[in-house]
Protein backbone atom coordinates (compact mmCIF):
# COMPACT_ATOMS: atom_id res chain seq x y z
CA UNK A 1 -19.44 -2.63 23.28
CA UNK A 2 -20.81 0.33 25.21
CA UNK A 3 -19.53 3.89 24.73
CA UNK A 4 -19.46 5.92 27.94
CA UNK A 5 -19.14 9.69 27.86
CA UNK A 6 -16.68 10.84 30.50
CA UNK A 7 -18.23 14.30 30.60
CA UNK A 8 -21.55 13.18 32.11
CA UNK A 9 -21.17 9.36 32.37
CA UNK A 10 -24.01 8.74 29.90
CA UNK A 11 -23.81 5.43 28.01
CA UNK A 12 -24.44 4.69 24.33
CA UNK A 13 -24.83 1.45 22.42
CA UNK A 14 -23.22 2.70 19.19
CA UNK A 15 -20.37 5.00 18.26
CA UNK A 16 -22.75 7.01 16.05
CA UNK A 17 -24.96 7.75 19.06
CA UNK A 18 -21.94 8.66 21.14
CA UNK A 19 -20.68 11.07 18.48
CA UNK A 20 -24.15 12.61 18.22
CA UNK A 21 -24.08 13.16 21.99
CA UNK A 22 -20.75 15.00 21.71
CA UNK A 23 -22.24 17.22 19.03
CA UNK A 24 -25.19 17.97 21.30
CA UNK A 25 -22.71 18.96 24.02
CA UNK A 26 -20.93 21.13 21.41
CA UNK A 27 -17.67 19.27 22.05
CA UNK A 28 -15.43 18.42 19.15
CA UNK A 29 -14.17 14.85 19.06
CA UNK A 30 -10.55 15.97 19.03
CA UNK A 31 -11.03 18.10 22.15
CA UNK A 32 -12.93 15.32 23.93
CA UNK A 33 -10.41 12.56 23.32
CA UNK A 34 -7.35 14.69 24.01
CA UNK A 35 -8.84 15.89 27.31
CA UNK A 36 -10.59 12.77 28.61
CA UNK A 37 -8.68 9.95 26.91
CA UNK A 38 -5.28 11.49 26.18
CA UNK A 39 -2.74 9.42 24.26
CA UNK A 40 0.87 10.44 23.98
CA UNK A 41 3.73 9.76 21.59
CA UNK A 42 5.94 7.00 23.05
CA UNK A 43 9.06 8.90 21.97
CA UNK A 44 8.31 12.54 22.79
CA UNK A 45 5.38 12.44 25.20
CA UNK A 46 3.42 14.86 23.00
CA UNK A 47 -0.34 14.50 22.65
CA UNK A 48 -1.27 12.46 19.59
CA UNK A 49 -3.29 14.27 16.90
CA UNK A 50 -6.86 13.09 16.43
CA UNK A 51 -8.15 12.23 12.95
CA UNK A 52 -10.69 9.58 13.83
CA UNK A 53 -11.28 7.21 16.73
CA UNK A 54 -9.80 4.15 15.03
CA UNK A 55 -6.61 5.93 14.05
CA UNK A 56 -6.31 7.53 17.49
CA UNK A 57 -6.41 4.30 19.46
CA UNK A 58 -4.23 2.41 16.97
CA UNK A 59 -1.40 4.95 17.09
CA UNK A 60 1.44 5.33 19.58
CA UNK A 61 3.44 7.91 17.62
CA UNK A 62 2.77 11.25 15.96
CA UNK A 63 4.57 10.10 12.82
CA UNK A 64 6.63 7.24 11.49
CA UNK A 65 9.91 9.11 12.00
CA UNK A 66 9.25 9.13 15.76
CA UNK A 67 8.42 5.44 15.64
CA UNK A 68 11.71 4.65 13.87
CA UNK A 69 13.69 6.68 16.42
CA UNK A 70 11.96 4.90 19.29
CA UNK A 71 12.73 1.54 17.68
CA UNK A 72 16.41 2.50 17.33
CA UNK A 73 16.64 3.59 20.97
CA UNK A 74 14.67 0.65 22.40
CA UNK A 75 15.63 -2.39 20.29
CA UNK A 76 14.67 -5.08 22.80
CA UNK A 77 11.30 -3.55 23.63
CA UNK A 78 10.71 -2.75 19.96
CA UNK A 79 10.86 -6.40 18.92
CA UNK A 80 7.93 -7.32 21.14
CA UNK A 81 6.08 -4.17 20.12
CA UNK A 82 6.52 -4.98 16.40
CA UNK A 83 5.07 -8.46 16.90
CA UNK A 84 2.19 -7.03 18.91
CA UNK A 85 1.43 -4.56 16.10
CA UNK A 86 1.28 -7.41 13.60
CA UNK A 87 -1.08 -9.47 15.81
CA UNK A 88 -3.41 -6.52 16.35
CA UNK A 89 -3.53 -5.73 12.64
CA UNK A 90 -4.27 -9.34 11.72
CA UNK A 91 -7.13 -9.48 14.22
CA UNK A 92 -8.53 -6.05 13.43
CA UNK A 93 -8.47 -6.47 9.66
CA UNK A 94 -9.13 -10.22 9.67
CA UNK A 95 -6.15 -10.68 7.37
CA UNK A 96 -5.48 -13.93 5.56
CA UNK A 97 -2.63 -12.78 3.28
CA UNK A 98 0.76 -11.57 4.48
CA UNK A 99 0.79 -7.74 4.18
CA UNK A 100 2.83 -6.24 1.35
CA UNK A 101 5.56 -3.64 1.79
CA UNK A 102 3.17 -0.94 0.53
CA UNK A 103 0.67 -1.89 3.25
CA UNK A 104 3.36 -1.69 5.93
CA UNK A 105 4.82 1.57 4.64
CA UNK A 106 1.42 3.27 4.48
CA UNK A 107 0.44 2.40 8.06
CA UNK A 108 2.07 2.82 11.47
CA UNK A 109 3.85 -0.51 11.05
CA UNK A 110 7.57 -1.30 10.77
CA UNK A 111 8.73 -1.97 7.24
CA UNK A 112 9.41 -5.45 5.90
CA UNK A 113 13.14 -4.68 6.19
CA UNK A 114 12.78 -4.33 9.96
CA UNK A 115 11.17 -7.76 10.36
CA UNK A 116 13.85 -9.31 8.15
CA UNK A 117 16.63 -7.65 10.16
CA UNK A 118 15.25 -8.38 13.62
CA UNK A 119 13.66 -11.80 13.10
CA UNK A 120 15.64 -13.25 10.20
CA UNK A 121 12.67 -13.27 7.83
CA UNK A 122 9.35 -11.56 7.25
CA UNK A 123 7.29 -14.49 5.97
CA UNK A 124 8.53 -16.62 8.85
CA UNK A 125 7.07 -14.16 11.35
CA UNK A 126 3.74 -13.78 9.55
CA UNK A 127 3.22 -17.49 8.93
CA UNK A 128 3.45 -18.06 12.70
CA UNK A 129 0.14 -16.17 12.90
CA UNK A 130 -1.55 -18.23 10.21
CA UNK A 131 -1.14 -15.82 7.30
CA UNK A 132 -0.80 -17.13 3.76
CA UNK A 133 2.44 -16.07 2.00
CA UNK A 134 2.12 -14.02 -1.17
CA UNK A 135 5.78 -13.68 -2.09
CA UNK A 136 8.98 -15.59 -1.46
CA UNK A 137 11.41 -12.61 -1.55
CA UNK A 138 14.31 -15.02 -1.11
CA UNK A 139 17.74 -14.30 -2.58
CA UNK A 140 18.41 -11.50 -5.06
CA UNK A 141 16.02 -10.60 -7.85
CA UNK A 142 17.70 -11.62 -11.12
CA UNK A 143 18.60 -8.80 -13.50
CA UNK A 144 16.48 -10.06 -16.35
CA UNK A 145 16.02 -7.80 -19.36
CA UNK A 146 13.24 -8.22 -21.86
CA UNK A 147 14.64 -9.65 -25.13
CA UNK A 148 14.31 -7.23 -28.04
CA UNK A 149 12.54 -9.82 -30.20
CA UNK A 150 9.51 -9.92 -27.89
CA UNK A 151 6.52 -7.81 -28.85
CA UNK A 152 4.66 -5.54 -26.45
CA UNK A 153 0.94 -4.86 -26.62
CA UNK A 154 -0.29 -1.42 -25.58
CA UNK A 155 -3.98 -0.96 -24.95
CA UNK A 156 -5.70 1.31 -27.47
CA UNK A 157 -7.31 3.26 -24.61
CA UNK A 158 -3.95 4.18 -23.06
CA UNK A 159 -3.88 7.98 -23.19
CA UNK A 160 -0.21 8.63 -22.46
CA UNK A 161 1.72 5.49 -23.38
CA UNK A 162 5.34 4.71 -22.64
CA UNK A 163 7.66 4.70 -25.65
CA UNK A 164 9.56 1.46 -26.12
CA UNK A 165 11.55 2.35 -29.20
CA UNK A 166 13.57 -0.87 -29.44
CA UNK A 167 10.55 -3.17 -29.29
CA UNK A 168 7.83 -4.19 -31.69
CA UNK A 169 4.65 -2.48 -30.50
CA UNK A 170 1.09 -3.53 -31.24
CA UNK A 171 -1.84 -1.31 -30.28
CA UNK A 172 -4.94 -3.28 -29.46
CA UNK A 173 -7.33 -3.90 -26.60
CA UNK A 174 -5.64 -5.44 -23.55
CA UNK A 175 -7.89 -7.62 -21.39
CA UNK A 176 -6.58 -6.10 -18.16
CA UNK A 177 -4.36 -3.07 -17.63
CA UNK A 178 -2.44 -1.13 -20.26
CA UNK A 179 0.57 -3.27 -21.21
CA UNK A 180 1.16 -6.97 -21.85
CA UNK A 181 3.48 -9.19 -23.86
CA UNK A 182 2.53 -10.59 -27.23
CA UNK A 183 0.48 -13.79 -27.08
CA UNK A 184 3.32 -16.23 -27.71
CA UNK A 185 5.33 -14.78 -24.79
CA UNK A 186 2.44 -13.93 -22.47
CA UNK A 187 2.86 -15.02 -18.83
CA UNK A 188 -0.46 -13.49 -17.73
CA UNK A 189 1.32 -10.42 -16.34
CA UNK A 190 -0.50 -7.16 -17.06
CA UNK A 191 0.77 -3.67 -16.24
CA UNK A 192 -1.62 -0.91 -15.18
CA UNK A 193 0.17 2.43 -15.64
CA UNK A 194 -0.85 5.34 -13.45
CA UNK A 195 0.31 8.90 -13.05
CA UNK A 196 -0.09 10.13 -9.47
CA UNK A 197 -3.31 11.93 -10.48
CA UNK A 198 -4.58 8.73 -12.14
CA UNK A 199 -3.73 6.71 -9.04
CA UNK A 200 -5.65 9.05 -6.72
CA UNK A 201 -8.62 9.05 -9.10
CA UNK A 202 -8.64 5.26 -9.34
CA UNK A 203 -8.52 4.85 -5.56
CA UNK A 204 -11.35 7.33 -5.05
CA UNK A 205 -14.03 7.77 -7.71
CA UNK A 206 -12.73 4.86 -9.78
CA UNK A 207 -12.45 2.40 -6.90
CA UNK A 208 -15.50 0.26 -7.70
CA UNK A 209 -14.64 0.09 -11.40
CA UNK A 210 -11.08 -0.99 -10.64
CA UNK A 211 -12.33 -3.58 -8.14
CA UNK A 212 -14.46 -5.08 -10.89
CA UNK A 213 -11.42 -5.09 -13.17
CA UNK A 214 -9.46 -7.08 -10.59
CA UNK A 215 -12.38 -9.49 -10.19
CA UNK A 216 -12.38 -10.01 -13.95
CA UNK A 217 -8.60 -10.44 -14.00
CA UNK A 218 -8.78 -13.06 -11.26
CA UNK A 219 -11.40 -14.97 -13.22
CA UNK A 220 -9.07 -14.98 -16.22
CA UNK A 221 -6.06 -16.00 -14.10
CA UNK A 222 -4.39 -12.67 -14.89
CA UNK A 223 -1.94 -10.94 -12.57
CA UNK A 224 -2.08 -7.12 -12.43
CA UNK A 225 0.85 -4.90 -11.42
CA UNK A 226 0.00 -1.23 -10.99
CA UNK A 227 3.01 0.94 -11.85
CA UNK A 228 2.74 4.47 -10.41
CA UNK A 229 4.90 7.24 -11.87
CA UNK A 230 5.84 8.72 -8.50
CA UNK A 231 7.62 7.51 -5.39
CA UNK A 232 5.73 6.16 -2.40
CA UNK A 233 6.74 8.93 0.01
CA UNK A 234 5.41 11.62 -2.33
CA UNK A 235 2.25 9.62 -3.03
CA UNK A 236 1.52 9.34 0.70
CA UNK A 237 1.58 13.14 1.01
CA UNK A 238 0.18 14.12 -2.39
CA UNK A 239 -2.11 16.73 -0.81
CA UNK A 240 0.95 18.96 -0.27
CA UNK A 241 1.74 19.06 -3.99
CA UNK A 242 0.68 22.36 -5.61
CA UNK A 243 -0.91 20.48 -8.50
CA UNK A 244 -3.10 18.44 -6.14
CA UNK A 245 -3.79 20.80 -3.26
CA UNK A 246 -7.45 21.10 -4.25
CA UNK A 247 -8.05 17.34 -4.38
CA UNK A 248 -11.16 16.29 -2.47
CA UNK A 249 -9.41 13.06 -1.40
CA UNK A 250 -6.93 12.62 1.42
CA UNK A 251 -3.88 10.34 1.45
CA UNK A 252 -5.34 8.37 4.37
CA UNK A 253 -8.52 7.63 2.39
CA UNK A 254 -6.64 6.76 -0.80
CA UNK A 255 -4.22 4.39 0.90
CA UNK A 256 -6.99 2.84 2.97
CA UNK A 257 -8.70 1.90 -0.29
CA UNK A 258 -5.44 0.63 -1.77
CA UNK A 259 -4.84 -1.57 1.26
CA UNK A 260 -8.36 -2.98 0.99
CA UNK A 261 -7.56 -4.10 -2.56
CA UNK A 262 -4.20 -5.55 -1.58
CA UNK A 263 -5.80 -7.43 1.31
CA UNK A 264 -8.52 -8.85 -0.93
CA UNK A 265 -6.74 -9.70 -4.19
CA UNK A 266 -3.74 -12.02 -4.37
CA UNK A 267 -3.47 -11.30 -8.11
CA UNK A 268 -2.62 -7.64 -7.61
CA UNK A 269 0.25 -5.52 -6.34
CA UNK A 270 1.53 -1.98 -6.81
CA UNK A 271 4.97 -0.42 -7.15
CA UNK A 272 5.73 3.30 -6.83
CA UNK A 273 8.65 4.61 -8.92
CA UNK A 274 10.38 7.97 -8.64
CA UNK A 275 9.39 9.20 -12.11
CA UNK A 276 7.93 8.27 -15.48
CA UNK A 277 11.28 7.28 -17.01
CA UNK A 278 11.98 4.72 -14.28
CA UNK A 279 8.37 3.51 -14.44
CA UNK A 280 8.81 2.75 -18.14
CA UNK A 281 12.06 0.87 -17.55
CA UNK A 282 10.59 -1.10 -14.66
CA UNK A 283 7.55 -2.00 -16.75
CA UNK A 284 9.91 -3.82 -19.14
CA UNK A 285 11.73 -5.45 -16.23
CA UNK A 286 8.50 -6.66 -14.62
CA UNK A 287 7.27 -8.12 -17.90
CA UNK A 288 10.64 -9.83 -18.30
CA UNK A 289 10.33 -11.44 -14.85
CA UNK A 290 7.20 -13.28 -15.95
CA UNK A 291 6.05 -15.78 -13.32
CA UNK A 292 8.71 -14.49 -10.92
CA UNK A 293 6.89 -11.13 -10.76
CA UNK A 294 3.97 -12.91 -9.10
CA UNK A 295 6.29 -14.27 -6.42
CA UNK A 296 8.05 -10.99 -5.68
CA UNK A 297 7.05 -8.01 -3.56
CA UNK A 298 8.21 -5.47 -6.12
CA UNK A 299 8.09 -2.45 -3.80
CA UNK A 300 10.25 -4.27 -1.27
CA UNK A 301 12.71 -5.25 -4.00
CA UNK A 302 12.82 -1.67 -5.26
CA UNK A 303 13.70 -0.42 -1.77
CA UNK A 304 16.29 -3.20 -1.40
CA UNK A 305 18.05 -1.82 -4.49
CA UNK A 306 17.24 -4.60 -6.93
CA UNK A 307 16.05 -2.12 -9.57
CA UNK A 308 19.08 0.20 -9.30
CA UNK A 309 20.64 -0.86 -12.57
CA UNK A 310 17.46 -1.40 -14.53
CA UNK A 311 17.97 -0.75 -18.25
């Protein structure tokens, strides 16, 4: 693919060379693309902001709110557009697994709920394009509570553990994550607890270490659920929080790394809860689900209301 500069018609073999040429011309990438290759929001007609070339040419809306409004106002056209988005993402990312709700929510894609509503099923749509299903998501998630006679293991390295006062707790090394059930009740489900700060750190400086942990878990046939003590909307804009305004990472970088892990590992998923109290309750619920947790997109089920009455 050749890159042609529309300022002087010079041609470059690589994007790096093209970008170097823009620097030599003292033209910022944002100014160049918005002047010579302008892209506009499909809803408002406003110029799209430029973050990087890939994002710029993948986007048709300034934000997801505009996309949702456009979908509401153009339902017939939106159906074809939603399918086209899925095809492009599959080809661009060389996907083999059906994307999770977290992947859809953190990109300019319709949510899983949209595909279910408009096409009668999400997996049905994705399987038409050769993707392997991860979850069934059929029916209603059963309201299973963890029996009080089951013991919970908390990893000795867990710095800020949940308190499960009604359960027998054993502190010892957990092979993967921070929480698991006692050996006689173990279904190979392991919970990795993260505060929002922990999550950002893991998806930035701790990314390689966590990748190795998932590799090890896969080798042991373990399934890892990361439970984050903050809701997904807040997590996707953490840089606006006063406590994290000096973070060197950006939400786009953090969620790019998260999506890479979700795309690669079928023994891993993540759920974002509104606060620590709900995260603790949902940890018990996920452990109680056992094998069913591996078959369920937990974030999707949370948004569908299946965790409303969690004890």
